[in-house]
C-alpha cells in the first residue's frame, strides 16, 4: 500500500523508515548528537532505547545519518544503586509496579556537541537531577548533580523533552502545567508556562506508561506521547495541545497510521515519540510480546511564514499580509498552497469558496477589510490561517488580534436637593465613552433596581436625568447608584457613580388610653404628614382586621370599641395601637389592663351580676311561688356603671315576658318605703363610672292570676364621651 502524507497539527508523516528489533516493551529515550566519548566505539552518535523506560535495560545503537536506528552496540541497566535514576523511575527488581511510574526525563546535548546529559524530575524531592552520560553507562553518582529548582515533587507519569537548543520542558501531572528549565542557567527555578486542558479520559491514557520522554514542543504545539505500557494499551499514539492556550487539539490514532500506508505491523496499539533534532518518529508497540521499534520519516511542514496584521483594534477592520514560503527537502509538499482565514472559529475569507485558488510558493497574499464584527470579544481574538498544499496536507498558523476598549466614564453626577422630606429629588449625570460606541444605563436605590437597563442607543456624551419621589426613599441615608456600560462586543464592565440622598422625618406623636372596653387614640405629626393606624388586642388586629387604615389628616382622634368576644375577662389584656405617617415611620404604643364587662350591669347586693355585658344569662332572680291575689315582697336590684363613661338618663323598664300584664303585673319603685309603683324608674343624676344605684320591683297577682314564667328588666342610658 502506497503511503499518503498524514498531517497531525503540522507534523507530516511522509514515509516508512524501517524498523528495529530489541528488548520487549520499548520506551524510546533520546538521540545523541555528539561523536565523541562513546566508549568503546567512538565512531557515531548514539540512539538509546529502553525496555520499561530506564527501569530495566537501556540499549545503545549507532545513529544513522538520516536519524534512524543503526547497529546495536551494547546495553545495561541504568537504575542501579549508585545514582538517583531510581528516584525518578525505580528499578523493577526493587518495585515492579512502581518501575512503570516516572517523574519525567529529558535528554540533551550541550552546545559544545561534546557532552550529553540526562535530566530527571525527582518523585521524592523538589529537585532536578542531571547526569553526564558521555562515555559512561550507566550514569554514575560521580557525574550526578542535583538542582533545587522544581516547584513540586515530580508527579506520576510526567513527560520531558528538549527544544534542541537551551531549554528543557516538563509536563507535570501534579497540576497539568508545562514547565521550562534553561540548561545554561541550571540553578534558576523552573518556569510555569501553560496549563494543559487534560481531561480524565486523556489522563487515564497517559498513565501506566513507562514513558518519561518523547514529548516535543514545536511551532506552538505540544506533542504528548500516550501510554507505552502493555497493561493498559490505547489506540491513541499521540496527543496534541496548543502551547499558547493549553487547549486540546486532538489525538493521532494508530489506526490512522495504518490507513495512510504507514507500517504498524498489524499492531493496534502504540506510543509515538519525537525528537527536536531528528525527522524520524518512533512508534513503540505496546503489545507485551512485541520487540519492534517502528520508524517513520516526518517533516514539520510550514508553508506559512510571517504574518503582518494590525493586532490592536477597537472598532476598526483588520488587514493581513501573509507570506507563503517554499519549503525545501519535503518531497515537493511545500511547492504550492491555497489558504483561508478563520476568526474565532468562523471562516471569514474567502467569502465565496472554501479556500483561495492554489498558487505556487513562495508568494505574498494581502487581505484587507476583515470586518470588525468577527472580532467579537474584548481582549484576545484568535485568527487561524489554514494553508492547504492540495496534496492532502493542511497546516495552520495562529495569530491574535487584541480588541481594546475604554469603559465609559461618569464625569458628573448630582442629586438636587440632597436632603428632602416631601420634595421631589432630581438626579442628573453625564457619561462619556469612545466615539461610535452605544451606551445604556440603569439606576438603583439602596441596591434595588429602580429602572433597569435602557436600550443601548446612546452615543457620547450621555445625559441622564430622572426624578425620585419621597415615597421611593427610606428614612435616613439612601444610596442612589447610576450604572453605565458601553455594550461593546462582550464587554460586561460597568461604570458607576453613587450619590447619597437623605430623607428626613419626625415620628408621629401618639396617645392611647382604654376606658372600659373602648380604646381612645389621638395622633399628631410635626411634619403635618397624614397618618394611618391599626388597633389590636392580645396580638389580634380588629381595626382594620389586617394591615392599616386609610390615611387621615392630623391632628387625628378616634375611639374604638373592643369586640367583646376578643376580650379575656378576668385576665390582663394588651391593647396595641400602631400609627404610621406617610413617610413610613411607625410608632406603636401598648396599654395593658384587666378589662371587665362593660355596660349598665344588673347585680345583687354582693356584686354578683345577673348577665354578662352581652346579655348572656349568669343567674336568675327567683321570686318563688305566688297565689292568686297575692303580692310578692319588694326585691332590691343594683345598676352598676362599668362602661368607663359617665352615663346620663339612666332608665329601668320591666318586660313582662311570660307574665300577664294585667293579672301578673310587675311594678317598679325607686324607693321601698313607700313603694310607689311607676312605669319606669328614672335616675336624674348621671351615673358615674363604677357607680351603682338601686331600685325595687315586685309582682302583684289579682284573683285571676295563673301560669307564672320568666320576665326581664331592661336598663337604658346615654354615655358622655367628653
Foldseek 3Di string as FASTA:
>chain_A
DAFAWDDDQLKIFDAFDDKDFDDFLKAWAAWAQAQALQPPDSGATWTWIDHLALQEKIWIFGADPQRDGHHTDGMGHQQDDQACPCQQANHCVVPVQRNLWGLAKEKDADPVSQWIWIWGFGQPAQWIKIFTPRNNPPGGRVRIDIANAHPGGRATLKAKYDQHYFKIWIQGPVQQWIWIAGNVCRNHHIHTQEHAPQDPVQVVQSHSASHRYQWYADQQKTKAWTGSALVDFDQFQIWIAGRRHNYTDGTDGPVVCVVSPYDPPPARGWHWGDHNVHQKIWTRGNHRPGRMIIITGIDRDDQWDDKDKQQEEAQFFIKIKTWGAQDPPPVRLRQKKWKWKDKQRHTQPPPPDPTDDMDTDGDMDIDPGRGSVSVQDAAKIWMKMWIGSVSPDIHIHIDIHHHHFDWKDWPDKDWPPLEEAFDKIKIKTWIATDFPFFKWKFKDKQPHTPGDTDDRHDHPTDIDMDIDGLLNDAAAKIKIKMWMGRPRRPDPDIDIDIGIHHHHADWKDWDWDDFQQKIKIWIDGPVQFWKWKWKDKPPQTVVPRDDIDDTDTPRDIDMDGDPPVVADAPDKMKMKMWMAGPSGDIDIDIDIDHHHFADFFKDAPVRHTQAGNVRHGDHDDDQDDDAAQDKGQKGKIKTFGRHRFWWAWKKKAKFQVPFDCPQKNKFWALDVVVRDGDRMDTDHDIHGHGRMGMIIMMIGGHNPGDDDDDIDMDMDTDGDPD
